[in-house]
Every structure is written in C-alpha cells, then in structure tokens.
C-alpha atoms as a PDB file:
ATOM      1  CA  UNK A   1    -124.615 109.954  29.643  1.00  0.00           C
ATOM      2  CA  UNK A   2    -126.876 112.241  31.688  1.00  0.00           C
ATOM      3  CA  UNK A   3    -124.686 114.811  34.004  1.00  0.00           C
ATOM      4  CA  UNK A   4    -124.551 114.168  37.119  1.00  0.00           C
ATOM      5  CA  UNK A   5    -124.805 118.003  39.665  1.00  0.00           C
ATOM      6  CA  UNK A   6    -122.167 117.153  42.250  1.00  0.00           C
ATOM      7  CA  UNK A   7    -121.831 120.826  43.336  1.00  0.00           C
ATOM      8  CA  UNK A   8    -123.707 120.625  46.734  1.00  0.00           C
ATOM      9  CA  UNK A   9    -123.051 117.570  49.035  1.00  0.00           C
ATOM     10  CA  UNK A  10    -125.802 115.470  50.292  1.00  0.00           C
ATOM     11  CA  UNK A  11    -127.783 116.146  53.358  1.00  0.00           C
ATOM     12  CA  UNK A  12    -127.269 114.106  55.744  1.00  0.00           C
ATOM     13  CA  UNK A  13    -129.891 113.383  58.874  1.00  0.00           C
ATOM     14  CA  UNK A  14    -128.764 111.773  61.895  1.00  0.00           C
ATOM     15  CA  UNK A  15    -130.948 109.688  63.938  1.00  0.00           C
ATOM     16  CA  UNK A  16    -131.534 112.154  66.191  1.00  0.00           C
ATOM     17  CA  UNK A  17    -132.398 114.948  64.256  1.00  0.00           C
ATOM     18  CA  UNK A  18    -134.800 112.590  62.791  1.00  0.00           C
ATOM     19  CA  UNK A  19    -136.274 111.353  66.391  1.00  0.00           C
ATOM     20  CA  UNK A  20    -136.399 115.497  66.810  1.00  0.00           C
ATOM     21  CA  UNK A  21    -138.187 116.011  63.954  1.00  0.00           C
ATOM     22  CA  UNK A  22    -140.977 113.462  64.244  1.00  0.00           C
ATOM     23  CA  UNK A  23    -141.395 113.747  67.685  1.00  0.00           C
ATOM     24  CA  UNK A  24    -142.062 117.594  67.143  1.00  0.00           C
ATOM     25  CA  UNK A  25    -144.697 116.447  63.873  1.00  0.00           C
ATOM     26  CA  UNK A  26    -146.630 114.827  66.575  1.00  0.00           C
ATOM     27  CA  UNK A  27    -148.956 117.642  68.784  1.00  0.00           C
ATOM     28  CA  UNK A  28    -149.579 115.259  71.460  1.00  0.00           C
ATOM     29  CA  UNK A  29    -145.977 114.597  71.878  1.00  0.00           C
ATOM     30  CA  UNK A  30    -144.825 118.761  71.726  1.00  0.00           C
ATOM     31  CA  UNK A  31    -147.630 119.471  74.412  1.00  0.00           C
ATOM     32  CA  UNK A  32    -146.712 117.017  76.610  1.00  0.00           C
ATOM     33  CA  UNK A  33    -143.010 118.138  76.224  1.00  0.00           C
ATOM     34  CA  UNK A  34    -143.888 121.731  76.777  1.00  0.00           C
ATOM     35  CA  UNK A  35    -145.896 120.710  79.510  1.00  0.00           C
ATOM     36  CA  UNK A  36    -143.095 119.226  81.169  1.00  0.00           C
ATOM     37  CA  UNK A  37    -140.791 121.528  80.493  1.00  0.00           C
ATOM     38  CA  UNK A  38    -143.634 124.213  82.153  1.00  0.00           C
ATOM     39  CA  UNK A  39    -144.183 121.678  85.595  1.00  0.00           C
ATOM     40  CA  UNK A  40    -139.876 122.009  85.858  1.00  0.00           C
ATOM     41  CA  UNK A  41    -139.333 125.455  85.155  1.00  0.00           C
ATOM     42  CA  UNK A  42    -142.472 126.346  87.688  1.00  0.00           C
ATOM     43  CA  UNK A  43    -141.025 123.457  90.152  1.00  0.00           C
ATOM     44  CA  UNK A  44    -137.283 125.025  90.028  1.00  0.00           C
ATOM     45  CA  UNK A  45    -138.488 128.631  90.442  1.00  0.00           C
ATOM     46  CA  UNK A  46    -140.917 127.769  93.069  1.00  0.00           C
ATOM     47  CA  UNK A  47    -138.900 129.953  95.899  1.00  0.00           C
ATOM     48  CA  UNK A  48    -139.498 133.025  93.797  1.00  0.00           C
ATOM     49  CA  UNK A  49    -143.143 132.974  92.820  1.00  0.00           C
ATOM     50  CA  UNK A  50    -144.723 131.394  95.222  1.00  0.00           C
ATOM     51  CA  UNK A  51    -146.169 133.879  98.439  1.00  0.00           C
ATOM     52  CA  UNK A  52    -145.405 132.010 101.057  1.00  0.00           C
ATOM     53  CA  UNK A  53    -143.068 128.721 101.750  1.00  0.00           C
ATOM     54  CA  UNK A  54    -145.343 125.881 103.544  1.00  0.00           C
ATOM     55  CA  UNK A  55    -142.252 124.507 105.462  1.00  0.00           C
ATOM     56  CA  UNK A  56    -141.460 127.755 107.414  1.00  0.00           C
ATOM     57  CA  UNK A  57    -143.740 128.049 110.334  1.00  0.00           C
ATOM     58  CA  UNK A  58    -142.527 131.260 110.910  1.00  0.00           C
ATOM     59  CA  UNK A  59    -144.451 132.690 107.508  1.00  0.00           C
ATOM     60  CA  UNK A  60    -147.562 130.370 108.140  1.00  0.00           C
ATOM     61  CA  UNK A  61    -150.751 131.762 110.354  1.00  0.00           C
ATOM     62  CA  UNK A  62    -153.079 129.387 111.792  1.00  0.00           C
ATOM     63  CA  UNK A  63    -155.861 132.098 111.367  1.00  0.00           C
ATOM     64  CA  UNK A  64    -155.394 131.409 107.451  1.00  0.00           C
ATOM     65  CA  UNK A  65    -156.437 127.958 107.917  1.00  0.00           C
ATOM     66  CA  UNK A  66    -159.272 126.661 105.463  1.00  0.00           C
ATOM     67  CA  UNK A  67    -159.465 130.075 103.240  1.00  0.00           C
ATOM     68  CA  UNK A  68    -161.878 129.423 100.034  1.00  0.00           C
ATOM     69  CA  UNK A  69    -159.738 130.222  96.367  1.00  0.00           C
ATOM     70  CA  UNK A  70    -158.971 133.604  95.950  1.00  0.00           C
ATOM     71  CA  UNK A  71    -159.505 134.601  99.610  1.00  0.00           C
ATOM     72  CA  UNK A  72    -156.905 137.802 101.221  1.00  0.00           C
ATOM     73  CA  UNK A  73    -154.995 136.055 104.081  1.00  0.00           C
ATOM     74  CA  UNK A  74    -154.409 138.352 106.993  1.00  0.00           C
ATOM     75  CA  UNK A  75    -150.445 138.153 105.782  1.00  0.00           C
ATOM     76  CA  UNK A  76    -151.333 140.629 102.596  1.00  0.00           C
ATOM     77  CA  UNK A  77    -151.320 138.256 100.007  1.00  0.00           C
ATOM     78  CA  UNK A  78    -154.237 136.696  97.818  1.00  0.00           C
ATOM     79  CA  UNK A  79    -153.947 132.359  98.511  1.00  0.00           C
ATOM     80  CA  UNK A  80    -155.397 131.753  95.062  1.00  0.00           C
ATOM     81  CA  UNK A  81    -156.111 128.162  95.642  1.00  0.00           C
ATOM     82  CA  UNK A  82    -156.903 128.580  99.338  1.00  0.00           C
ATOM     83  CA  UNK A  83    -155.633 127.775 102.267  1.00  0.00           C
ATOM     84  CA  UNK A  84    -155.016 124.177 104.405  1.00  0.00           C
ATOM     85  CA  UNK A  85    -156.257 124.118 108.196  1.00  0.00           C
ATOM     86  CA  UNK A  86    -153.141 124.930 109.109  1.00  0.00           C
ATOM     87  CA  UNK A  87    -153.011 128.158 107.258  1.00  0.00           C
ATOM     88  CA  UNK A  88    -150.725 127.156 104.313  1.00  0.00           C
ATOM     89  CA  UNK A  89    -151.254 128.282 100.581  1.00  0.00           C
ATOM     90  CA  UNK A  90    -152.175 125.492  99.083  1.00  0.00           C
ATOM     91  CA  UNK A  91    -150.584 127.014  95.622  1.00  0.00           C
ATOM     92  CA  UNK A  92    -146.498 127.382  97.574  1.00  0.00           C
ATOM     93  CA  UNK A  93    -147.505 123.805  98.669  1.00  0.00           C
ATOM     94  CA  UNK A  94    -148.337 122.392  95.707  1.00  0.00           C
ATOM     95  CA  UNK A  95    -144.998 124.021  94.072  1.00  0.00           C
ATOM     96  CA  UNK A  96    -142.728 122.971  96.690  1.00  0.00           C
ATOM     97  CA  UNK A  97    -144.740 119.800  96.606  1.00  0.00           C
ATOM     98  CA  UNK A  98    -143.765 119.099  93.047  1.00  0.00           C
ATOM     99  CA  UNK A  99    -139.901 120.059  93.611  1.00  0.00           C
ATOM    100  CA  UNK A 100    -140.065 117.293  95.968  1.00  0.00           C
ATOM    101  CA  UNK A 101    -141.917 114.314  93.547  1.00  0.00           C
ATOM    102  CA  UNK A 102    -139.531 115.349  90.905  1.00  0.00           C
ATOM    103  CA  UNK A 103    -136.628 114.645  92.730  1.00  0.00           C
ATOM    104  CA  UNK A 104    -137.731 111.260  93.914  1.00  0.00           C
ATOM    105  CA  UNK A 105    -138.841 110.023  89.922  1.00  0.00           C
ATOM    106  CA  UNK A 106    -135.781 111.210  88.740  1.00  0.00           C
ATOM    107  CA  UNK A 107    -133.703 109.782  91.251  1.00  0.00           C
ATOM    108  CA  UNK A 108    -135.153 106.652  91.500  1.00  0.00           C
ATOM    109  CA  UNK A 109    -135.517 106.497  87.754  1.00  0.00           C
ATOM    110  CA  UNK A 110    -131.698 106.848  87.472  1.00  0.00           C
ATOM    111  CA  UNK A 111    -130.715 104.789  90.077  1.00  0.00           C
ATOM    112  CA  UNK A 112    -132.454 101.948  88.930  1.00  0.00           C
ATOM    113  CA  UNK A 113    -131.610 102.217  85.478  1.00  0.00           C
ATOM    114  CA  UNK A 114    -127.683 102.119  86.514  1.00  0.00           C
ATOM    115  CA  UNK A 115    -128.204  99.220  88.813  1.00  0.00           C
ATOM    116  CA  UNK A 116    -130.294  97.198  86.031  1.00  0.00           C
ATOM    117  CA  UNK A 117    -127.852  98.032  83.419  1.00  0.00           C
ATOM    118  CA  UNK A 118    -125.464  96.777  85.154  1.00  0.00           C
ATOM    119  CA  UNK A 119    -127.340  93.337  86.196  1.00  0.00           C
ATOM    120  CA  UNK A 120    -128.386  93.052  82.972  1.00  0.00           C
ATOM    121  CA  UNK A 121    -125.125  93.451  81.729  1.00  0.00           C
ATOM    122  CA  UNK A 122    -123.343  90.833  83.874  1.00  0.00           C
ATOM    123  CA  UNK A 123    -125.983  88.434  83.086  1.00  0.00           C
ATOM    124  CA  UNK A 124    -125.191  88.860  79.113  1.00  0.00           C
ATOM    125  CA  UNK A 125    -121.789  88.733  79.345  1.00  0.00           C
ATOM    126  CA  UNK A 126    -121.390  86.361  82.157  1.00  0.00           C
ATOM    127  CA  UNK A 127    -123.951  83.544  80.555  1.00  0.00           C
ATOM    128  CA  UNK A 128    -124.686  80.228  81.579  1.00  0.00           C
ATOM    129  CA  UNK A 129    -125.804  79.258  85.229  1.00  0.00           C
ATOM    130  CA  UNK A 130    -125.058  82.719  86.200  1.00  0.00           C
ATOM    131  CA  UNK A 131    -127.493  84.473  83.792  1.00  0.00           C
ATOM    132  CA  UNK A 132    -130.028  82.003  84.336  1.00  0.00           C
ATOM    133  CA  UNK A 133    -129.722  82.462  88.495  1.00  0.00           C
ATOM    134  CA  UNK A 134    -129.361  86.568  87.580  1.00  0.00           C
ATOM    135  CA  UNK A 135    -132.614  86.425  85.086  1.00  0.00           C
ATOM    136  CA  UNK A 136    -134.734  84.436  87.194  1.00  0.00           C
ATOM    137  CA  UNK A 137    -134.089  86.407  90.538  1.00  0.00           C
ATOM    138  CA  UNK A 138    -135.371  89.213  87.957  1.00  0.00           C
ATOM    139  CA  UNK A 139    -138.641  87.421  86.409  1.00  0.00           C
ATOM    140  CA  UNK A 140    -139.658  86.139  90.371  1.00  0.00           C
ATOM    141  CA  UNK A 141    -139.016  90.302  91.194  1.00  0.00           C
ATOM    142  CA  UNK A 142    -140.912  90.889  87.492  1.00  0.00           C
ATOM    143  CA  UNK A 143    -143.690  88.588  88.848  1.00  0.00           C
ATOM    144  CA  UNK A 144    -144.855  90.848  91.124  1.00  0.00           C
ATOM    145  CA  UNK A 145    -146.740  94.349  90.487  1.00  0.00           C
ATOM    146  CA  UNK A 146    -143.966  97.019  90.948  1.00  0.00           C
ATOM    147  CA  UNK A 147    -146.353  99.282  92.753  1.00  0.00           C
ATOM    148  CA  UNK A 148    -147.266  96.883  95.279  1.00  0.00           C
ATOM    149  CA  UNK A 149    -143.699  96.197  96.112  1.00  0.00           C
ATOM    150  CA  UNK A 150    -142.852  99.720  96.541  1.00  0.00           C
ATOM    151  CA  UNK A 151    -145.998 100.019  98.890  1.00  0.00           C
ATOM    152  CA  UNK A 152    -144.637  96.647 100.863  1.00  0.00           C
ATOM    153  CA  UNK A 153    -141.101  98.083 101.315  1.00  0.00           C
ATOM    154  CA  UNK A 154    -142.124 101.771 102.142  1.00  0.00           C
ATOM    155  CA  UNK A 155    -144.277  99.807 105.455  1.00  0.00           C
ATOM    156  CA  UNK A 156    -141.644  98.207 106.187  1.00  0.00           C
ATOM    157  CA  UNK A 157    -138.443 100.688 105.374  1.00  0.00           C
ATOM    158  CA  UNK A 158    -140.480 103.327 107.385  1.00  0.00           C
ATOM    159  CA  UNK A 159    -141.735 106.679 105.987  1.00  0.00           C
ATOM    160  CA  UNK A 160    -138.353 109.427 104.451  1.00  0.00           C
ATOM    161  CA  UNK A 161    -137.528 110.420 100.790  1.00  0.00           C
ATOM    162  CA  UNK A 162    -134.423 107.887 101.011  1.00  0.00           C
ATOM    163  CA  UNK A 163    -136.707 104.747 101.814  1.00  0.00           C
ATOM    164  CA  UNK A 164    -139.075 105.734  99.038  1.00  0.00           C
ATOM    165  CA  UNK A 165    -136.479 106.273  96.871  1.00  0.00           C
ATOM    166  CA  UNK A 166    -134.782 103.338  98.033  1.00  0.00           C
ATOM    167  CA  UNK A 167    -138.201 101.285  97.336  1.00  0.00           C
ATOM    168  CA  UNK A 168    -138.568 102.607  93.817  1.00  0.00           C
ATOM    169  CA  UNK A 169    -135.439 102.075  92.770  1.00  0.00           C
ATOM    170  CA  UNK A 170    -135.519  98.141  94.378  1.00  0.00           C
ATOM    171  CA  UNK A 171    -139.284  97.810  92.299  1.00  0.00           C
ATOM    172  CA  UNK A 172    -138.025  98.949  89.123  1.00  0.00           C
ATOM    173  CA  UNK A 173    -134.462  97.729  88.759  1.00  0.00           C
ATOM    174  CA  UNK A 174    -135.583  94.555  86.623  1.00  0.00           C
ATOM    175  CA  UNK A 175    -137.228  96.268  84.091  1.00  0.00           C
ATOM    176  CA  UNK A 176    -134.358  97.944  82.913  1.00  0.00           C
ATOM    177  CA  UNK A 177    -131.975  94.582  83.622  1.00  0.00           C
ATOM    178  CA  UNK A 178    -134.423  92.723  81.530  1.00  0.00           C
ATOM    179  CA  UNK A 179    -134.476  94.940  78.350  1.00  0.00           C
ATOM    180  CA  UNK A 180    -130.657  95.428  78.489  1.00  0.00           C
ATOM    181  CA  UNK A 181    -130.310  91.618  78.864  1.00  0.00           C
ATOM    182  CA  UNK A 182    -132.765  91.305  75.616  1.00  0.00           C
ATOM    183  CA  UNK A 183    -130.545  93.483  73.494  1.00  0.00           C
END
C-alpha cells in the first residue's frame, strides 16, 4: 500500500483564472489589452492632459490655423500634432473625439447585446411558429452587411450621436439574437 499525502488540498483553478492566465500568455493579446487600457486612460484624462478644449470657441484662435506639428501657438502652448484650419489643436481634438467614439461604441454594443439577448431568449423559449418568425427576421437582418444597414439608417435618421447609436444597435442586434438562440 502506498502512502498518500493529504496534508495540502488540491489547487482548484477556476475557469476565469485559467482564462486570465492563458490570455496573458499570448503577447499579442496582452499588448492589445495594454493598448486598450492606454486609450481608455487617455480618453478619460483628456480634459486634464490636453492644452485646449477644441469645443470651447473662447480658447480657439483662427490665427493658429494650419500650424505644422510641433509649432508654438499664439496662445503660448505647443501644438504637438499641429492645428486644423480653424486653429484647434489636433492632439486635443483627437483625445476629445476618442471619448465620444468610445462612448458610442460601448453604448451601442451594450444596448444591442441586451436587445439581441432578449429576442434570442424569447425565440428559444417560445419555440414553434414564434421562433420561426423571429429567426426569419434575424436571417433577413443578417443578410445585409451591418455597416451598410448602419449607413442607410444614419442617412434616414440624420446626424447626431443618439441616431448613430440607434443605427448601430439596429445593425448589430441580430448577431446576438442568433448566438443566444443557437446555444
């Protein structure tokens, strides 16, 4: 008979811990994650790390228009990426625009996820004719490229952040519904 050492319990590795360890073993995944964190931090800190608010017309000087990168502005600070025709600092405009882009992307993704999940669950739970009707609508939606649907809806709805989010939600919900129904 062999002696078994039961003094230390077996280490249980949770699925999340396994995912994190495998994720960071990949240099590409770890680099992309670090890059995404840097982008998010830059977007959140934009009001404090940019020399100018590109939306505040009191800070914009037309005499600073079309300055090359690294030029000294008339207002006294260096425009690292230059300026546009209206005198707005491009570095500031990029970071402020990044905030809007991240907000639109996250909002449209989360709303589409919620709507698609609910529709997919209804189709899976109901079954029968209701499922067939819902999934044929999903198939119809998926038969068109999402970017084309979003562009057509933006042309119909008009400009504005809310309309962009709505167009992206309408273009993306079917992917989530199909995935939820299929599982």
